[in-house]
Amino acid sequence: MTPTTATPRGNTSELGRLLKPFLPWILLSAITGISAGAAAVALLGTINQVLNREGGMAGGLLLTFVGLCAVALLGRMASDVSTNFVGQRLVAQVRKSLAQKILSAPIDALERYRTHRLMPVLSQDVDMISDVAFVLSSTLIAFAIALGCLAYLAYLSLPLFCLLVVALAIGATIQTRAQVRAEVGFWKAREYEEQLHKTYRAISEGAKEFRMHRARRTRMFGGQIERIVDNIRTVNGRAINTYVMATAFGSALFFLLIALILGWAAFRPTEPAVLSGFVLVMLFLKGPVDQIAGALPGVGRAKIAFRRIADLSARFATPEPHLHLERASNGVMLNREIAMRGVRYSFDAPEGGEAFTLGPIDLLLRPGEMVFIVGDNGSGKTTLIKLLLGLYAPHGGEVLLDGGVVTPEGRDDYRQLFTTVFSDFYLFEDLAAGEEGAGTATLPQTALPYLERLEIAHKVSVKDGAFTTTDLSTGQRKRLALVHAYLEGRPVLVFDEWAADQDPAFRHLFYTELLPELRAKGHLLVVISHDDRYFHLADRVVTMRAGKIEEDKACVPLESLAA
């Protein structure tokens, strides 16, 4: 899949899709928010009327005032509750949608996107949208109040209103230009955030290496972390300062407008009700306008965040076909063989380098075999395994199960034949229940023999369907991953440099006892290995070189040679 970048039109389409289920609540929030704003403006009109009439607030005017207060209060409450409802569910839906896209995205697309770009989207960007969603109601009400105030001012005096609109247009132009300029800064800061996440990952995963190399540690902190953090601070500071200065200008503009209105009244006869109404509304209007201006930085950041989310959605918009989270397996079985016929796969060319191409590959694997995949680093062993497992879709050729082609529709069912322990494996704490007839309640007893055999029963046990700890050495964690493989009991087991982190005694146990026992049970074993002293134990050794199978040789047991 070729990565794509979300366009503004794509952003709008994605936003519409997300908001569609909540349209009734959004409409309710808008109606009640506008009603609250209209009631607030009507209250201003009532107050202005009271200030310019004899008798004060008496009779029906008092009831009107109380009624408007109730409408403003209840409308704001209803609008806030509706917006909160939409905000909570929108954020939950975004999180679920992104998780589902990641779980169903092709593996090669995930590998291209990289973790340091993925995690900020899932955490920081989603949280930013969440924060803005919860101030949306108050901003909407402030906007409704501002429009209502302007309408009331037009009703009081059209000439004064026109003068006011010209001045406000100047202020709005400045605010808009400031927003555009600040959004450019927010976008740059967001790119720096990805770089910062990458460096944080480096200092976490490379902690030991940094302790051993002072110059690299100093260069990482001073040359990268400090520089990136300072860049984020500078860019964000400038962007927010742009908003602040524009807001300060807007605040000063309001008082200048009041002075302009008073000056107008000094040279032209103006009714007291009109003059007091303009001054009263202008003083009141400053609050809603400041609230709108204060929300603009958050809205600007949310726009950037949503563009990143939309970009992630676009990159993973083509999921693997028929990869359903809740669909049960259709019972695919391995009876005779798994074959690769003319299989090819090509990677994108790195900058300044050549593209690596695997294939064409022809390979035949049968149950009860133990096959070693060997070769130099970069020869294509892991890529071959990912194609065999169905993690990569071949760019050419076919993978066959018992003579039938593994189609895109059946690839996920085909994968259920395999248990894998990769060199960069992830160790799950919870164990898969239901395999080999083991339920959650019987998992401790089922797993105990394997833990004892793998010499880790003294450090870890199984409780409530999960390992009691995974805080172990790399070699011991790989043994726990092997417990998963035992309990799943699938017909094909694939090990990618499993013994690389084991001590010599346990490496010998793995090759001479554990693997032969699994083969004796009828499992097909595919083992990537550099331990040439144990190659003779395999049924076949497949040698890879430069993306092709250089040799597929059947092994002759040592005891046969001795005879």
Protein backbone atom coordinates (compact mmCIF):
# COMPACT_ATOMS: atom_id res chain seq x y z
CA MET A 1 0.00 0.00 0.00
CA THR A 2 1.38 3.40 -0.93
CA PRO A 3 1.24 5.90 1.93
CA THR A 4 -1.02 8.84 1.34
CA THR A 5 -1.45 12.18 2.99
CA ALA A 6 -4.83 13.41 4.11
CA THR A 7 -6.16 16.42 2.22
CA PRO A 8 -8.44 19.15 3.66
CA ARG A 9 -11.30 17.59 1.71
CA GLY A 10 -10.40 14.22 3.18
CA ASN A 11 -10.33 15.79 6.65
CA THR A 12 -13.85 17.15 6.14
CA SER A 13 -15.08 13.78 4.93
CA GLU A 14 -13.49 12.00 7.90
CA LEU A 15 -14.94 14.55 10.34
CA GLY A 16 -18.39 14.15 8.79
CA ARG A 17 -18.17 10.38 9.13
CA LEU A 18 -17.20 10.64 12.79
CA LEU A 19 -19.91 13.19 13.68
CA LYS A 20 -22.78 11.59 11.72
CA PRO A 21 -23.97 9.29 14.58
CA PHE A 22 -24.13 12.29 16.94
CA LEU A 23 -26.03 14.75 14.71
CA PRO A 24 -29.17 14.78 16.94
CA TRP A 25 -27.09 15.60 20.01
CA ILE A 26 -25.08 18.21 18.12
CA LEU A 27 -28.33 19.78 16.91
CA LEU A 28 -29.68 19.79 20.47
CA SER A 29 -26.48 21.39 21.73
CA ALA A 30 -26.63 24.04 19.01
CA ILE A 31 -30.31 24.88 19.60
CA THR A 32 -29.99 25.08 23.37
CA GLY A 33 -26.70 26.98 23.11
CA ILE A 34 -28.21 29.52 20.72
CA SER A 35 -31.26 29.80 22.98
CA ALA A 36 -29.00 30.49 25.96
CA GLY A 37 -27.13 33.12 23.94
CA ALA A 38 -30.36 34.74 22.77
CA ALA A 39 -31.66 34.81 26.34
CA ALA A 40 -28.45 36.51 27.49
CA VAL A 41 -28.85 39.17 24.80
CA ALA A 42 -32.51 39.63 25.74
CA LEU A 43 -31.41 40.10 29.36
CA LEU A 44 -29.11 42.89 28.23
CA GLY A 45 -31.99 44.52 26.40
CA THR A 46 -34.17 44.20 29.49
CA ILE A 47 -31.49 45.73 31.70
CA ASN A 48 -31.03 48.60 29.24
CA GLN A 49 -34.79 49.11 29.20
CA VAL A 50 -34.93 49.20 32.99
CA LEU A 51 -32.09 51.75 33.12
CA ASN A 52 -34.00 54.13 30.87
CA ARG A 53 -37.54 53.93 32.29
CA GLU A 54 -39.24 55.02 35.46
CA GLY A 55 -40.42 52.46 37.97
CA GLY A 56 -37.46 50.14 37.54
CA MET A 57 -38.10 46.43 37.21
CA ALA A 58 -41.69 45.92 38.22
CA GLY A 59 -44.64 43.78 37.19
CA GLY A 60 -44.30 41.86 33.95
CA LEU A 61 -40.76 43.06 33.37
CA LEU A 62 -39.60 41.25 36.50
CA LEU A 63 -41.25 38.01 35.34
CA THR A 64 -39.66 38.45 31.92
CA PHE A 65 -36.25 38.92 33.53
CA VAL A 66 -36.67 35.79 35.68
CA GLY A 67 -37.87 33.79 32.69
CA LEU A 68 -34.91 34.86 30.57
CA CYS A 69 -32.52 33.94 33.40
CA ALA A 70 -34.10 30.47 33.52
CA VAL A 71 -33.81 30.04 29.76
CA ALA A 72 -30.15 31.14 29.80
CA LEU A 73 -29.33 28.80 32.70
CA LEU A 74 -31.18 25.74 31.41
CA GLY A 75 -30.04 26.30 27.83
CA ARG A 76 -26.40 26.48 28.85
CA MET A 77 -26.72 23.38 31.02
CA ALA A 78 -28.40 21.41 28.23
CA SER A 79 -25.83 22.56 25.68
CA ASP A 80 -22.91 21.66 27.97
CA VAL A 81 -24.37 18.22 28.76
CA SER A 82 -25.02 17.50 25.06
CA THR A 83 -21.54 18.60 24.05
CA ASN A 84 -19.99 16.53 26.83
CA PHE A 85 -21.97 13.51 25.63
CA VAL A 86 -20.76 14.01 22.06
CA GLY A 87 -17.19 14.76 23.15
CA GLN A 88 -16.83 11.66 25.31
CA ARG A 89 -18.26 9.33 22.69
CA LEU A 90 -16.43 10.98 19.80
CA VAL A 91 -13.08 10.51 21.51
CA ALA A 92 -13.96 6.91 22.41
CA GLN A 93 -15.00 6.27 18.81
CA VAL A 94 -11.77 7.78 17.45
CA ARG A 95 -9.70 5.62 19.79
CA LYS A 96 -11.59 2.45 18.86
CA SER A 97 -11.46 3.28 15.16
CA LEU A 98 -7.71 3.90 15.20
CA ALA A 99 -7.07 0.71 17.19
CA GLN A 100 -9.17 -1.30 14.74
CA LYS A 101 -7.37 0.24 11.76
CA ILE A 102 -4.01 -0.66 13.30
CA LEU A 103 -5.12 -4.22 14.08
CA SER A 104 -6.36 -4.71 10.52
CA ALA A 105 -3.64 -2.79 8.65
CA PRO A 106 -1.11 -4.71 6.56
CA ILE A 107 2.06 -5.41 8.53
CA ASP A 108 4.32 -3.76 5.96
CA ALA A 109 2.24 -0.54 6.22
CA LEU A 110 2.69 -0.57 10.01
CA GLU A 111 6.42 -1.16 9.66
CA ARG A 112 6.74 1.82 7.32
CA TYR A 113 4.81 4.16 9.63
CA ARG A 114 7.10 3.55 12.64
CA THR A 115 6.25 3.60 16.35
CA HIS A 116 7.63 7.08 17.07
CA ARG A 117 5.06 8.51 14.62
CA LEU A 118 2.22 6.24 15.69
CA MET A 119 2.22 6.78 19.44
CA PRO A 120 1.85 10.60 19.45
CA VAL A 121 -1.23 10.24 17.24
CA LEU A 122 -2.82 7.66 19.55
CA SER A 123 -2.13 9.66 22.71
CA GLN A 124 -1.35 13.34 22.26
CA ASP A 125 -3.49 14.07 19.18
CA VAL A 126 -6.56 12.23 20.46
CA ASP A 127 -6.26 13.99 23.83
CA MET A 128 -6.04 17.35 22.05
CA ILE A 129 -9.33 16.70 20.25
CA SER A 130 -10.83 15.61 23.56
CA ASP A 131 -9.82 18.88 25.24
CA VAL A 132 -11.32 21.00 22.47
CA ALA A 133 -14.53 18.97 22.38
CA PHE A 134 -15.24 19.85 26.00
CA VAL A 135 -14.95 23.64 25.46
CA LEU A 136 -16.96 23.55 22.26
CA SER A 137 -20.28 24.23 23.98
CA SER A 138 -19.13 27.34 25.83
CA THR A 139 -17.49 28.64 22.63
CA LEU A 140 -20.72 28.02 20.71
CA ILE A 141 -22.73 29.92 23.32
CA ALA A 142 -20.19 32.76 23.26
CA PHE A 143 -20.51 32.90 19.47
CA ALA A 144 -24.32 32.97 19.70
CA ILE A 145 -24.16 35.77 22.28
CA ALA A 146 -21.78 37.76 20.06
CA LEU A 147 -24.12 37.47 17.07
CA GLY A 148 -27.12 38.34 19.22
CA CYS A 149 -25.38 41.39 20.64
CA LEU A 150 -24.53 42.62 17.16
CA ALA A 151 -28.13 42.13 16.06
CA TYR A 152 -29.33 44.09 19.10
CA LEU A 153 -26.89 46.91 18.34
CA ALA A 154 -28.14 47.05 14.75
CA TYR A 155 -31.65 47.37 16.14
CA LEU A 156 -30.62 50.25 18.43
CA SER A 157 -28.77 52.31 15.78
CA LEU A 158 -27.86 51.26 12.26
CA PRO A 159 -25.24 54.04 11.67
CA LEU A 160 -23.42 53.28 14.91
CA PHE A 161 -23.65 49.57 14.11
CA CYS A 162 -22.03 50.10 10.69
CA LEU A 163 -19.20 52.03 12.32
CA LEU A 164 -18.79 49.19 14.79
CA VAL A 165 -18.77 46.53 12.06
CA VAL A 166 -15.95 48.27 10.20
CA ALA A 167 -13.83 48.37 13.34
CA LEU A 168 -14.65 44.74 14.19
CA ALA A 169 -13.81 43.67 10.63
CA ILE A 170 -10.34 45.12 11.10
CA GLY A 171 -9.96 43.20 14.37
CA ALA A 172 -11.30 39.97 12.80
CA THR A 173 -8.82 40.26 9.92
CA ILE A 174 -5.95 40.58 12.35
CA GLN A 175 -7.25 37.60 14.36
CA THR A 176 -7.58 35.46 11.21
CA ARG A 177 -4.09 36.27 9.99
CA ALA A 178 -2.75 35.53 13.46
CA GLN A 179 -4.56 32.19 13.49
CA VAL A 180 -3.13 31.15 10.11
CA ARG A 181 0.37 32.14 11.18
CA ALA A 182 0.03 30.33 14.51
CA GLU A 183 -1.27 27.15 12.87
CA VAL A 184 1.91 26.98 10.78
CA GLY A 185 3.84 27.10 14.05
CA PHE A 186 1.65 24.43 15.66
CA TRP A 187 2.18 22.14 12.65
CA LYS A 188 5.96 22.58 12.92
CA ALA A 189 5.81 21.92 16.66
CA ARG A 190 3.84 18.73 15.97
CA GLU A 191 6.62 17.49 13.67
CA TYR A 192 9.14 18.22 16.42
CA GLU A 193 6.98 16.18 18.82
CA GLU A 194 7.49 13.11 16.62
CA GLN A 195 11.25 13.66 16.68
CA LEU A 196 11.14 14.03 20.47
CA HIS A 197 9.20 10.78 20.83
CA LYS A 198 11.86 9.07 18.72
CA THR A 199 14.65 10.33 20.98
CA TYR A 200 12.73 9.33 24.12
CA ARG A 201 12.42 5.83 22.72
CA ALA A 202 16.16 5.82 21.98
CA ILE A 203 17.20 6.85 25.52
CA SER A 204 14.80 4.26 26.98
CA GLU A 205 15.77 1.30 24.81
CA GLY A 206 19.44 2.28 24.57
CA ALA A 207 19.93 3.15 28.25
CA LYS A 208 22.75 0.65 28.76
CA GLU A 209 24.62 1.77 25.66
CA PHE A 210 24.35 5.42 26.69
CA ARG A 211 25.88 4.60 30.09
CA MET A 212 28.84 3.05 28.33
CA HIS A 213 29.45 5.91 25.90
CA ARG A 214 29.71 9.37 27.45
CA ALA A 215 30.19 11.22 24.15
CA ARG A 216 27.10 9.62 22.61
CA ARG A 217 25.08 10.34 25.76
CA THR A 218 26.16 13.98 25.73
CA ARG A 219 25.48 14.29 22.01
CA MET A 220 22.02 12.75 22.41
CA PHE A 221 21.03 15.17 25.17
CA GLY A 222 22.68 18.35 23.97
CA GLY A 223 22.55 17.76 20.24
CA GLN A 224 19.07 16.26 19.97
CA ILE A 225 16.85 16.34 23.05
CA GLU A 226 17.73 19.87 24.18
CA ARG A 227 17.59 21.16 20.62
CA ILE A 228 14.21 19.57 19.88
CA VAL A 229 12.69 20.62 23.21
CA ASP A 230 13.93 24.18 22.71
CA ASN A 231 12.52 24.19 19.18
CA ILE A 232 9.12 23.05 20.47
CA ARG A 233 9.21 25.70 23.18
CA THR A 234 10.21 28.42 20.72
CA VAL A 235 7.71 27.50 18.01
CA ASN A 236 4.82 26.98 20.42
CA GLY A 237 5.74 30.16 22.30
CA ARG A 238 5.74 32.24 19.12
CA ALA A 239 2.46 30.75 17.95
CA ILE A 240 0.70 31.34 21.26
CA ASN A 241 2.21 34.83 21.58
CA THR A 242 0.75 35.62 18.19
CA TYR A 243 -2.70 34.71 19.54
CA VAL A 244 -2.05 36.64 22.75
CA MET A 245 -1.04 39.83 20.96
CA ALA A 246 -4.02 39.59 18.66
CA THR A 247 -6.30 39.05 21.67
CA ALA A 248 -4.75 42.03 23.48
CA PHE A 249 -5.34 44.15 20.39
CA GLY A 250 -8.95 42.96 20.34
CA SER A 251 -9.44 43.90 24.00
CA ALA A 252 -8.00 47.38 23.43
CA LEU A 253 -10.20 47.72 20.35
CA PHE A 254 -13.33 47.30 22.47
CA PHE A 255 -12.44 50.24 24.71
CA LEU A 256 -11.48 52.32 21.68
CA LEU A 257 -14.90 51.52 20.23
CA ILE A 258 -16.60 52.67 23.43
CA ALA A 259 -14.60 55.91 23.23
CA LEU A 260 -15.64 56.22 19.58
CA ILE A 261 -19.32 55.75 20.52
CA LEU A 262 -19.08 58.37 23.27
CA GLY A 263 -17.33 60.71 20.84
CA TRP A 264 -20.09 60.10 18.30
CA ALA A 265 -22.68 61.02 20.92
CA ALA A 266 -20.80 64.23 21.73
CA PHE A 267 -21.12 65.54 18.17
CA ARG A 268 -24.48 64.01 17.16
CA PRO A 269 -27.67 63.87 19.20
CA THR A 270 -28.10 60.30 20.47
CA GLU A 271 -30.92 58.91 22.59
CA PRO A 272 -29.81 57.90 26.08
CA ALA A 273 -31.24 54.40 25.59
CA VAL A 274 -29.14 53.94 22.46
CA LEU A 275 -25.98 55.27 24.08
CA SER A 276 -26.35 53.23 27.27
CA GLY A 277 -27.33 50.17 25.23
CA PHE A 278 -24.18 50.39 23.09
CA VAL A 279 -21.89 50.93 26.06
CA LEU A 280 -23.58 48.17 28.07
CA VAL A 281 -23.47 45.67 25.20
CA MET A 282 -19.86 46.50 24.30
CA LEU A 283 -18.72 45.95 27.89
CA PHE A 284 -20.63 42.66 28.00
CA LEU A 285 -19.53 41.58 24.53
CA LYS A 286 -15.87 41.69 25.49
CA GLY A 287 -16.30 38.55 27.63
CA PRO A 288 -17.70 36.27 24.87
CA VAL A 289 -15.23 37.61 22.30
CA ASP A 290 -12.30 37.02 24.67
CA GLN A 291 -13.63 33.50 25.27
CA ILE A 292 -13.74 32.83 21.52
CA ALA A 293 -10.25 34.27 21.10
CA GLY A 294 -8.99 32.17 24.02
CA ALA A 295 -10.34 29.01 22.37
CA LEU A 296 -8.59 29.71 19.06
CA PRO A 297 -5.14 28.28 20.06
CA GLY A 298 -6.80 25.04 21.17
CA VAL A 299 -8.86 24.92 17.99
CA GLY A 300 -5.71 25.51 15.94
CA ARG A 301 -3.90 22.67 17.68
CA ALA A 302 -6.96 20.44 17.33
CA LYS A 303 -7.00 21.08 13.58
CA ILE A 304 -3.39 19.94 13.38
CA ALA A 305 -4.16 16.92 15.56
CA PHE A 306 -7.14 15.98 13.43
CA ARG A 307 -5.05 16.25 10.27
CA ARG A 308 -2.57 13.80 11.82
CA ILE A 309 -5.38 11.43 12.78
CA ALA A 310 -6.89 11.73 9.31
CA ASP A 311 -3.45 11.08 7.81
CA LEU A 312 -3.07 7.93 9.92
CA SER A 313 -6.57 6.81 8.92
CA ALA A 314 -5.74 7.42 5.25
CA ARG A 315 -2.50 5.43 5.46
CA PHE A 316 -4.35 2.49 6.99
CA ALA A 317 -7.55 2.98 4.96
CA THR A 318 -6.95 -0.26 3.04
CA PRO A 319 -7.18 -3.03 5.65
CA GLU A 320 -6.38 -6.62 4.97
CA PRO A 321 -9.43 -8.16 3.32
CA HIS A 322 -11.64 -10.30 5.51
CA LEU A 323 -9.60 -9.56 8.64
CA HIS A 324 -12.41 -9.42 11.19
CA LEU A 325 -11.66 -9.09 14.88
CA GLU A 326 -14.50 -11.26 16.11
CA ARG A 327 -14.75 -13.83 13.33
CA ALA A 328 -14.11 -17.40 14.47
CA SER A 329 -11.65 -19.57 12.59
CA ASN A 330 -13.15 -21.70 9.83
CA GLY A 331 -11.08 -24.69 10.93
CA VAL A 332 -8.27 -24.57 8.34
CA MET A 333 -5.98 -27.60 8.79
CA LEU A 334 -2.56 -28.64 7.51
CA ASN A 335 -2.74 -32.17 6.13
CA ARG A 336 0.02 -32.58 3.55
CA GLU A 337 2.15 -29.55 2.83
CA ILE A 338 2.71 -25.82 2.64
CA ALA A 339 4.32 -24.63 -0.58
CA MET A 340 5.69 -21.37 -1.97
CA ARG A 341 5.70 -21.21 -5.75
CA GLY A 342 7.51 -18.35 -7.50
CA VAL A 343 6.96 -16.03 -4.55
CA ARG A 344 8.42 -12.51 -4.86
CA TYR A 345 8.41 -9.48 -2.57
CA SER A 346 10.07 -6.08 -3.04
CA PHE A 347 10.71 -3.32 -0.53
CA ASP A 348 10.70 0.38 -1.31
CA ALA A 349 14.19 1.66 -2.08
CA PRO A 350 15.77 3.51 0.88
CA GLU A 351 17.15 6.98 0.29
CA GLY A 352 20.48 6.65 -1.45
CA GLY A 353 20.19 2.85 -1.67
CA GLU A 354 18.79 0.05 -3.78
CA ALA A 355 15.52 -1.78 -3.20
CA PHE A 356 15.78 -5.29 -1.73
CA THR A 357 13.85 -7.95 -3.61
CA LEU A 358 13.14 -11.45 -2.36
CA GLY A 359 12.58 -14.25 -4.81
CA PRO A 360 11.50 -15.96 -6.80
CA ILE A 361 11.14 -18.52 -4.00
CA ASP A 362 10.08 -22.15 -4.43
CA LEU A 363 9.81 -24.07 -1.17
CA LEU A 364 7.96 -27.14 0.08
CA LEU A 365 7.32 -27.86 3.80
CA ARG A 366 5.62 -30.90 5.30
CA PRO A 367 4.28 -31.80 8.78
CA GLY A 368 6.81 -33.64 10.94
CA GLU A 369 9.77 -31.83 9.34
CA MET A 370 12.33 -29.66 11.07
CA VAL A 371 13.68 -27.14 8.55
CA PHE A 372 16.47 -24.69 9.31
CA ILE A 373 16.54 -21.38 7.40
CA VAL A 374 20.13 -20.12 7.38
CA GLY A 375 22.14 -17.40 5.68
CA ASP A 376 23.99 -14.16 6.21
CA ASN A 377 22.35 -11.14 7.81
CA GLY A 378 20.22 -9.34 5.24
CA SER A 379 19.89 -12.41 3.04
CA GLY A 380 16.07 -12.37 3.35
CA LYS A 381 15.43 -15.00 6.03
CA THR A 382 12.95 -12.96 8.09
CA THR A 383 11.19 -11.68 4.95
CA LEU A 384 10.83 -15.26 3.77
CA ILE A 385 9.30 -16.20 7.12
CA LYS A 386 6.83 -13.29 7.01
CA LEU A 387 5.70 -14.40 3.57
CA LEU A 388 5.38 -17.99 4.78
CA LEU A 389 3.29 -16.83 7.75
CA GLY A 390 1.03 -14.71 5.57
CA LEU A 391 2.13 -11.49 7.27
CA TYR A 392 3.29 -10.12 3.92
CA ALA A 393 1.18 -10.54 0.80
CA PRO A 394 3.37 -11.75 -2.09
CA HIS A 395 3.97 -9.27 -4.90
CA GLY A 396 4.27 -12.25 -7.20
CA GLY A 397 3.78 -16.02 -7.05
CA GLU A 398 1.58 -18.00 -4.68
CA VAL A 399 1.54 -19.58 -1.23
CA LEU A 400 -0.32 -22.89 -1.23
CA LEU A 401 -1.85 -24.98 1.56
CA ASP A 402 -2.40 -28.64 0.64
CA GLY A 403 -2.35 -27.64 -3.02
CA GLY A 404 -4.87 -24.80 -2.70
CA VAL A 405 -3.83 -21.15 -3.12
CA VAL A 406 -3.95 -19.05 0.05
CA THR A 407 -6.17 -16.19 -1.10
CA PRO A 408 -6.41 -12.76 0.56
CA GLU A 409 -9.83 -13.79 1.88
CA GLY A 410 -8.40 -16.89 3.55
CA ARG A 411 -5.04 -15.50 4.66
CA ASP A 412 -6.11 -14.75 8.24
CA ASP A 413 -7.48 -18.28 8.70
CA TYR A 414 -4.24 -19.62 7.21
CA ARG A 415 -2.20 -17.70 9.81
CA GLN A 416 -3.98 -19.53 12.61
CA LEU A 417 -1.91 -22.62 11.72
CA PHE A 418 1.24 -20.95 13.06
CA THR A 419 2.79 -20.15 16.41
CA THR A 420 5.76 -17.81 16.19
CA VAL A 421 8.54 -16.45 18.37
CA PHE A 422 10.23 -13.63 16.45
CA SER A 423 13.66 -12.23 17.27
CA ASP A 424 11.87 -8.96 18.17
CA PHE A 425 9.02 -10.81 19.87
CA TYR A 426 6.39 -9.27 22.12
CA LEU A 427 5.64 -11.27 25.27
CA PHE A 428 1.97 -11.29 26.28
CA GLU A 429 1.26 -11.70 29.97
CA ASP A 430 -2.08 -13.45 29.43
CA LEU A 431 -2.14 -17.00 28.15
CA ALA A 432 -4.43 -18.25 25.42
CA ALA A 433 -7.15 -20.32 27.08
CA GLY A 434 -9.02 -23.06 25.32
CA GLU A 435 -6.05 -24.55 23.47
CA GLU A 436 -5.43 -28.25 23.92
CA GLY A 437 -8.61 -28.38 25.98
CA ALA A 438 -7.23 -26.08 28.65
CA GLY A 439 -9.59 -23.52 30.12
CA THR A 440 -8.57 -20.55 32.24
CA ALA A 441 -9.08 -22.49 35.46
CA THR A 442 -6.74 -25.32 34.37
CA LEU A 443 -4.01 -23.13 32.86
CA PRO A 444 -1.75 -23.18 35.98
CA GLN A 445 -1.66 -26.99 35.99
CA THR A 446 -1.28 -27.15 32.19
CA ALA A 447 1.55 -24.60 32.07
CA LEU A 448 3.49 -25.89 35.11
CA PRO A 449 5.25 -28.83 33.36
CA TYR A 450 6.47 -26.49 30.62
CA LEU A 451 7.68 -23.90 33.13
CA GLU A 452 9.58 -26.61 34.99
CA ARG A 453 11.07 -28.05 31.82
CA LEU A 454 12.18 -24.58 30.75
CA GLU A 455 13.72 -23.99 34.23
CA ILE A 456 11.72 -20.86 35.09
CA ALA A 457 9.06 -22.31 37.43
CA HIS A 458 10.98 -20.89 40.40
CA LYS A 459 10.57 -17.34 39.05
CA VAL A 460 7.18 -17.24 37.39
CA SER A 461 3.87 -19.05 37.66
CA VAL A 462 0.39 -18.69 36.18
CA LYS A 463 -2.41 -16.94 38.06
CA ASP A 464 -5.82 -15.90 36.72
CA GLY A 465 -4.82 -16.93 33.20
CA ALA A 466 -1.63 -14.82 33.09
CA PHE A 467 2.04 -15.01 34.02
CA THR A 468 2.69 -13.59 37.48
CA THR A 469 5.65 -11.63 36.08
CA THR A 470 7.45 -10.96 32.83
CA ASP A 471 10.23 -8.92 34.45
CA LEU A 472 12.94 -11.40 33.51
CA SER A 473 16.07 -11.61 31.38
CA THR A 474 15.69 -11.69 27.60
CA GLY A 475 16.48 -15.39 27.49
CA GLN A 476 13.94 -16.21 30.19
CA ARG A 477 11.32 -14.09 28.45
CA LYS A 478 11.89 -16.11 25.31
CA ARG A 479 11.27 -19.26 27.33
CA LEU A 480 7.95 -17.81 28.45
CA ALA A 481 7.14 -17.13 24.80
CA LEU A 482 7.88 -20.81 24.18
CA VAL A 483 5.29 -21.68 26.85
CA HIS A 484 2.75 -19.80 24.74
CA ALA A 485 3.80 -21.93 21.77
CA TYR A 486 3.39 -25.15 23.74
CA LEU A 487 -0.07 -24.21 25.04
CA GLU A 488 -1.40 -23.04 21.69
CA GLY A 489 -0.55 -26.43 20.19
CA ARG A 490 -0.71 -25.25 16.58
CA PRO A 491 0.62 -27.47 13.78
CA VAL A 492 3.44 -25.16 12.63
CA LEU A 493 5.99 -23.55 14.95
CA VAL A 494 8.36 -20.87 13.68
CA PHE A 495 11.39 -19.73 15.69
CA ASP A 496 13.45 -16.71 14.61
CA GLU A 497 16.85 -16.92 16.34
CA TRP A 498 15.11 -18.26 19.47
CA ALA A 499 18.31 -19.70 21.00
CA ALA A 500 20.43 -16.59 20.42
CA ASP A 501 19.87 -15.32 24.00
CA GLN A 502 20.16 -18.70 25.76
CA ASP A 503 23.12 -20.07 27.68
CA PRO A 504 25.06 -22.91 26.00
CA ALA A 505 23.47 -25.63 28.12
CA PHE A 506 19.93 -24.52 27.40
CA ARG A 507 20.73 -23.89 23.74
CA HIS A 508 21.86 -27.52 23.57
CA LEU A 509 18.64 -28.62 25.28
CA PHE A 510 16.55 -26.61 22.81
CA TYR A 511 18.14 -28.10 19.70
CA THR A 512 18.71 -31.67 20.87
CA GLU A 513 15.58 -32.30 22.98
CA LEU A 514 12.82 -29.68 22.73
CA LEU A 515 12.75 -29.35 18.95
CA PRO A 516 12.96 -33.12 18.28
CA GLU A 517 10.14 -33.72 20.77
CA LEU A 518 7.91 -31.21 18.99
CA ARG A 519 8.77 -32.79 15.63
CA ALA A 520 7.94 -36.22 17.02
CA LYS A 521 4.45 -34.93 17.87
CA GLY A 522 3.91 -34.13 14.20
CA HIS A 523 4.60 -30.39 14.24
CA LEU A 524 6.24 -28.69 11.30
CA LEU A 525 9.19 -26.71 12.69
CA VAL A 526 10.77 -23.80 10.80
CA VAL A 527 13.85 -22.45 12.57
CA ILE A 528 15.97 -19.43 11.60
CA SER A 529 19.38 -20.10 13.09
CA HIS A 530 23.09 -19.33 12.91
CA ASP A 531 24.05 -22.24 15.22
CA ASP A 532 25.81 -24.31 12.56
CA ARG A 533 26.89 -26.92 15.12
CA TYR A 534 23.25 -28.07 15.27
CA PHE A 535 22.41 -27.96 11.56
CA HIS A 536 22.82 -31.74 11.30
CA LEU A 537 19.76 -32.20 13.55
CA ALA A 538 17.45 -30.70 10.93
CA ASP A 539 15.75 -32.67 8.21
CA ARG A 540 16.64 -29.93 5.74
CA VAL A 541 18.78 -26.79 5.72
CA VAL A 542 17.60 -24.01 3.40
CA THR A 543 20.39 -21.50 2.71
CA MET A 544 19.42 -17.95 1.72
CA ARG A 545 21.67 -15.52 -0.14
CA ALA A 546 20.74 -12.11 -1.60
CA GLY A 547 17.00 -12.79 -1.40
CA LYS A 548 17.08 -16.20 -3.07
CA ILE A 549 17.36 -19.82 -1.97
CA GLU A 550 20.93 -20.79 -2.75
CA GLU A 551 20.59 -24.36 -1.48
CA ASP A 552 17.88 -26.63 -0.08
CA LYS A 553 19.80 -29.60 1.29
CA ALA A 554 18.53 -32.68 3.13
CA CYS A 555 20.63 -33.49 6.18
CA VAL A 556 22.11 -36.90 6.93
CA PRO A 557 22.10 -37.74 10.67
CA LEU A 558 25.56 -38.22 12.21
CA GLU A 559 24.67 -41.73 13.33
CA SER A 560 23.99 -42.68 9.71
CA LEU A 561 27.40 -41.37 8.67
CA ALA A 562 29.06 -43.34 11.50
CA ALA A 563 27.31 -46.52 10.38
